[in-house]
Every structure is written in structure tokens, then in C-alpha cells.
Amino acid sequence: MNYGVTEQEFDSALYKLKKMAAAGKTTGEELATLGDMIFYGYSQEESNAEQAMPYWEMALAKGYAIETEKMVAIALSLKDGERGFAVDEEKSLRYMQMAADKGNVTAEYYSGLWYLQKMDRDPQAEGPAMIYLAKAALHNDADAQFLLGVSMLGLKGKTEIEELLKIQKEDTEDTQNEST
């Protein structure tokens, strides 16, 4: 990703933005852009998620609305330790909830799913799980509708739910294969 500029121009802009950020003279949008520049780098080989994260956090603190799709991608990467992120389930859930609270259906589903998976360890997770799954279900997310229905049947164990998800996925794939 070269942004239509030379690597020297990119490095110069990156240096100036970092200097402005250190002096506290940046807007939320500039901080988010700085985070993106660090994360994506001039070329994909240079990305650094751990260095980008503080700038995204500062952008959020200044009230800048990072795109919900990016929040979902960051949350998934934090959960699984992918794309240069260290595993951080707490931060992952926080990013996913921010996107869900802005109406991102994928984030609503994952927030509900992750709370559902925590129910074995934390009985307080049931309320948020049902709320997020209900929100996604109301946005016609079939997986959320399925999980919400399963949850209402009283299946609470992570293993039971994962097994049902596996069966549902296989059924969906079989249906898709039959229609082609």
C-alpha cells in the first residue's frame, strides 16, 4: 500500500504526524490516520499493530469515531493474536462492543457470542450475551438468531453451543451445495 506517494514522502508525513501527536497538537482524525499509517506501513511488510494501537486509542479518547469495520477487524485480531497484535481478550471485547454499540451487526453477533462463551466462567455474562445476540438477530443475522434460540432452550455450556454451531454450519454448507 503506497498511498500514491513515495516512501520518502510517506516517512516525512509519518515523522511530522508523530511529532505533532507528541506535542498534543493533533485531532482525533489525525491520530487515527497516524495509527493507520503505522499499522499498514508503506508496504504491508512494515505494519506494526502494537505501535499503532496507542494512536487509535488516543483518537477514540478525543471522540473520533473509528469506522466500525476497522474496530471489528482490530477486535478479531486482538482476540486471536493475529496481524501483529498480542492476544488481549479484554481489549478485544471492548473494541467489539464499541462497534456493536454503533450498530455494526457483525460486532453485535461477536459480542453476544463471546459473552455466551464466557458464561461457563461468569454467570453475569448471560445478560450481555442475550442483549447483543438479540440486537444482531433483529438485524436478521441468522447465526445470532440461531444462538439466541439455542440459548433460550437452556443450553449454556460452551461445548454444547460450539457443537450446535458446527452442526448448523454443516447444514448451511449442505444446503448451499444442494442449490448449486
Protein backbone atom coordinates (compact mmCIF):
# COMPACT_ATOMS: atom_id res chain seq x y z
CA MET A 1 0.00 0.00 0.00
CA ASN A 2 1.86 3.11 -1.13
CA TYR A 3 -0.85 5.79 -0.76
CA GLY A 4 0.17 7.36 -4.09
CA VAL A 5 3.30 8.92 -2.57
CA THR A 6 6.94 7.98 -2.48
CA GLU A 7 8.33 6.15 0.53
CA GLN A 8 10.30 9.31 1.43
CA GLU A 9 7.12 11.44 1.37
CA PHE A 10 5.35 8.80 3.46
CA ASP A 11 8.17 8.76 6.03
CA SER A 12 8.19 12.56 6.17
CA ALA A 13 4.43 12.72 6.79
CA LEU A 14 4.70 9.97 9.39
CA TYR A 15 7.50 11.82 11.20
CA LYS A 16 5.54 15.11 11.21
CA LEU A 17 2.36 13.47 12.50
CA LYS A 18 4.27 11.67 15.26
CA LYS A 19 5.90 14.96 16.28
CA MET A 20 2.52 16.74 16.34
CA ALA A 21 0.99 13.89 18.37
CA ALA A 22 3.82 14.02 20.90
CA ALA A 23 3.18 17.74 21.31
CA GLY A 24 -0.57 17.15 21.72
CA LYS A 25 -1.38 19.12 18.57
CA THR A 26 -3.39 16.54 16.65
CA THR A 27 -7.07 15.96 16.06
CA GLY A 28 -8.75 12.61 16.54
CA GLU A 29 -8.80 12.11 12.79
CA GLU A 30 -5.06 12.81 12.51
CA LEU A 31 -4.36 10.36 15.33
CA ALA A 32 -6.46 7.69 13.62
CA THR A 33 -4.61 8.35 10.36
CA LEU A 34 -1.29 8.09 12.17
CA GLY A 35 -2.39 4.76 13.64
CA ASP A 36 -3.37 3.55 10.17
CA MET A 37 -0.07 4.67 8.67
CA ILE A 38 1.88 2.82 11.34
CA PHE A 39 -0.32 -0.26 11.15
CA TYR A 40 -0.32 -0.58 7.37
CA GLY A 41 3.15 0.88 6.82
CA TYR A 42 4.35 1.97 3.43
CA SER A 43 4.20 -1.66 2.41
CA GLN A 44 2.42 -4.50 4.20
CA GLU A 45 5.74 -5.93 5.43
CA GLU A 46 6.24 -2.91 7.70
CA SER A 47 3.00 -3.00 9.69
CA ASN A 48 3.19 -2.69 13.46
CA ALA A 49 -0.04 -3.19 15.35
CA GLU A 50 1.41 -2.64 18.81
CA GLN A 51 2.79 0.79 17.84
CA ALA A 52 -0.44 1.76 16.05
CA MET A 53 -2.79 0.89 18.92
CA PRO A 54 -1.94 3.87 21.20
CA TYR A 55 -2.77 6.33 18.41
CA TRP A 56 -6.13 4.67 17.74
CA GLU A 57 -6.81 4.75 21.49
CA MET A 58 -5.98 8.49 21.62
CA ALA A 59 -8.24 9.12 18.61
CA LEU A 60 -11.11 7.38 20.40
CA ALA A 61 -10.39 9.35 23.58
CA LYS A 62 -10.72 12.55 21.56
CA GLY A 63 -14.13 11.41 20.38
CA TYR A 64 -13.09 10.45 16.87
CA ALA A 65 -15.30 7.67 15.51
CA ILE A 66 -13.09 4.99 14.02
CA GLU A 67 -15.01 3.03 11.37
CA THR A 68 -16.87 0.13 12.93
CA GLU A 69 -15.48 -2.31 10.36
CA LYS A 70 -11.96 -1.38 11.47
CA MET A 71 -12.97 -1.85 15.12
CA VAL A 72 -14.25 -5.33 14.31
CA ALA A 73 -11.02 -6.20 12.46
CA ILE A 74 -8.93 -4.91 15.37
CA ALA A 75 -11.08 -6.81 17.89
CA LEU A 76 -10.79 -10.08 15.97
CA SER A 77 -7.03 -9.60 15.62
CA LEU A 78 -6.66 -8.87 19.34
CA LYS A 79 -8.72 -11.93 20.27
CA ASP A 80 -6.66 -14.30 18.15
CA GLY A 81 -3.28 -12.56 18.29
CA GLU A 82 -3.20 -12.03 14.54
CA ARG A 83 -1.85 -9.30 12.23
CA GLY A 84 0.86 -8.29 14.70
CA PHE A 85 -1.42 -7.88 17.73
CA ALA A 86 -0.71 -9.54 21.06
CA VAL A 87 -3.66 -11.51 22.42
CA ASP A 88 -5.76 -9.23 24.62
CA GLU A 89 -9.27 -10.56 25.15
CA GLU A 90 -10.38 -7.67 27.38
CA LYS A 91 -9.37 -5.02 24.84
CA SER A 92 -10.77 -7.18 22.06
CA LEU A 93 -14.19 -7.28 23.71
CA ARG A 94 -14.06 -3.53 24.37
CA TYR A 95 -13.43 -2.78 20.68
CA MET A 96 -16.11 -5.24 19.60
CA GLN A 97 -18.64 -3.67 21.98
CA MET A 98 -17.82 -0.16 20.73
CA ALA A 99 -18.58 -1.29 17.18
CA ALA A 100 -21.71 -3.15 18.34
CA ASP A 101 -22.96 -0.11 20.22
CA LYS A 102 -22.68 1.84 16.96
CA GLY A 103 -24.97 -0.70 15.27
CA ASN A 104 -22.45 -2.93 13.49
CA VAL A 105 -24.30 -6.25 13.13
CA THR A 106 -21.14 -8.36 12.92
CA ALA A 107 -19.93 -6.78 16.15
CA GLU A 108 -23.30 -7.37 17.82
CA TYR A 109 -23.09 -11.05 16.91
CA TYR A 110 -19.48 -11.49 18.07
CA SER A 111 -20.10 -9.58 21.30
CA GLY A 112 -23.02 -11.87 22.05
CA LEU A 113 -21.06 -14.97 21.09
CA TRP A 114 -18.05 -14.02 23.21
CA TYR A 115 -20.23 -13.29 26.24
CA LEU A 116 -22.00 -16.60 25.64
CA GLN A 117 -18.65 -18.37 25.67
CA LYS A 118 -17.79 -16.67 28.98
CA MET A 119 -20.93 -17.93 30.71
CA ASP A 120 -19.18 -21.08 31.99
CA ARG A 121 -16.80 -18.85 33.98
CA ASP A 122 -19.02 -15.84 34.59
CA PRO A 123 -22.78 -16.17 35.17
CA GLN A 124 -23.10 -12.36 34.78
CA ALA A 125 -22.21 -12.77 31.09
CA GLU A 126 -25.67 -14.12 30.24
CA GLY A 127 -27.37 -10.71 30.22
CA PRO A 128 -24.98 -9.00 27.79
CA ALA A 129 -24.86 -12.17 25.66
CA MET A 130 -28.63 -12.15 25.19
CA ILE A 131 -28.76 -8.40 24.57
CA TYR A 132 -26.10 -8.42 21.85
CA LEU A 133 -27.46 -11.57 20.23
CA ALA A 134 -30.97 -10.10 20.25
CA LYS A 135 -29.70 -6.91 18.60
CA ALA A 136 -27.96 -8.91 15.86
CA ALA A 137 -30.97 -11.21 15.49
CA LEU A 138 -33.22 -8.18 14.99
CA HIS A 139 -30.85 -7.12 12.20
CA ASN A 140 -31.56 -10.51 10.54
CA ASP A 141 -28.24 -12.14 11.42
CA ALA A 142 -29.06 -15.84 11.04
CA ASP A 143 -26.23 -17.03 13.30
CA ALA A 144 -27.39 -14.70 16.06
CA GLN A 145 -30.97 -15.88 15.63
CA PHE A 146 -29.79 -19.47 15.94
CA LEU A 147 -27.67 -18.83 19.03
CA LEU A 148 -30.40 -16.82 20.66
CA GLY A 149 -32.84 -19.67 20.10
CA VAL A 150 -30.38 -22.23 21.43
CA SER A 151 -29.72 -20.05 24.47
CA MET A 152 -33.42 -19.74 25.15
CA LEU A 153 -33.63 -23.54 25.15
CA GLY A 154 -31.28 -23.51 28.11
CA LEU A 155 -28.08 -24.84 26.54
CA LYS A 156 -25.43 -22.89 28.35
CA GLY A 157 -22.22 -24.90 28.07
CA LYS A 158 -19.60 -23.68 25.64
CA THR A 159 -19.09 -27.20 24.28
CA GLU A 160 -22.81 -27.70 23.62
CA ILE A 161 -23.08 -24.37 21.83
CA GLU A 162 -19.94 -24.94 19.75
CA GLU A 163 -21.23 -28.38 18.74
CA LEU A 164 -24.56 -26.89 17.65
CA LEU A 165 -22.75 -24.15 15.72
CA LYS A 166 -20.71 -26.82 13.93
CA ILE A 167 -23.90 -28.73 13.02
CA GLN A 168 -25.56 -25.51 11.84
CA LYS A 169 -22.54 -24.64 9.68
CA GLU A 170 -22.53 -28.12 8.14
CA ASP A 171 -26.28 -27.88 7.45
CA THR A 172 -25.81 -24.46 5.83
CA GLU A 173 -22.98 -25.79 3.66
CA ASP A 174 -25.06 -28.85 2.66
CA THR A 175 -27.97 -26.58 1.70
CA GLN A 176 -25.68 -24.34 -0.34
CA ASN A 177 -24.13 -27.36 -2.10
CA GLU A 178 -27.58 -28.77 -2.95
CA SER A 179 -28.67 -25.47 -4.51
CA THR A 180 -25.63 -25.28 -6.82
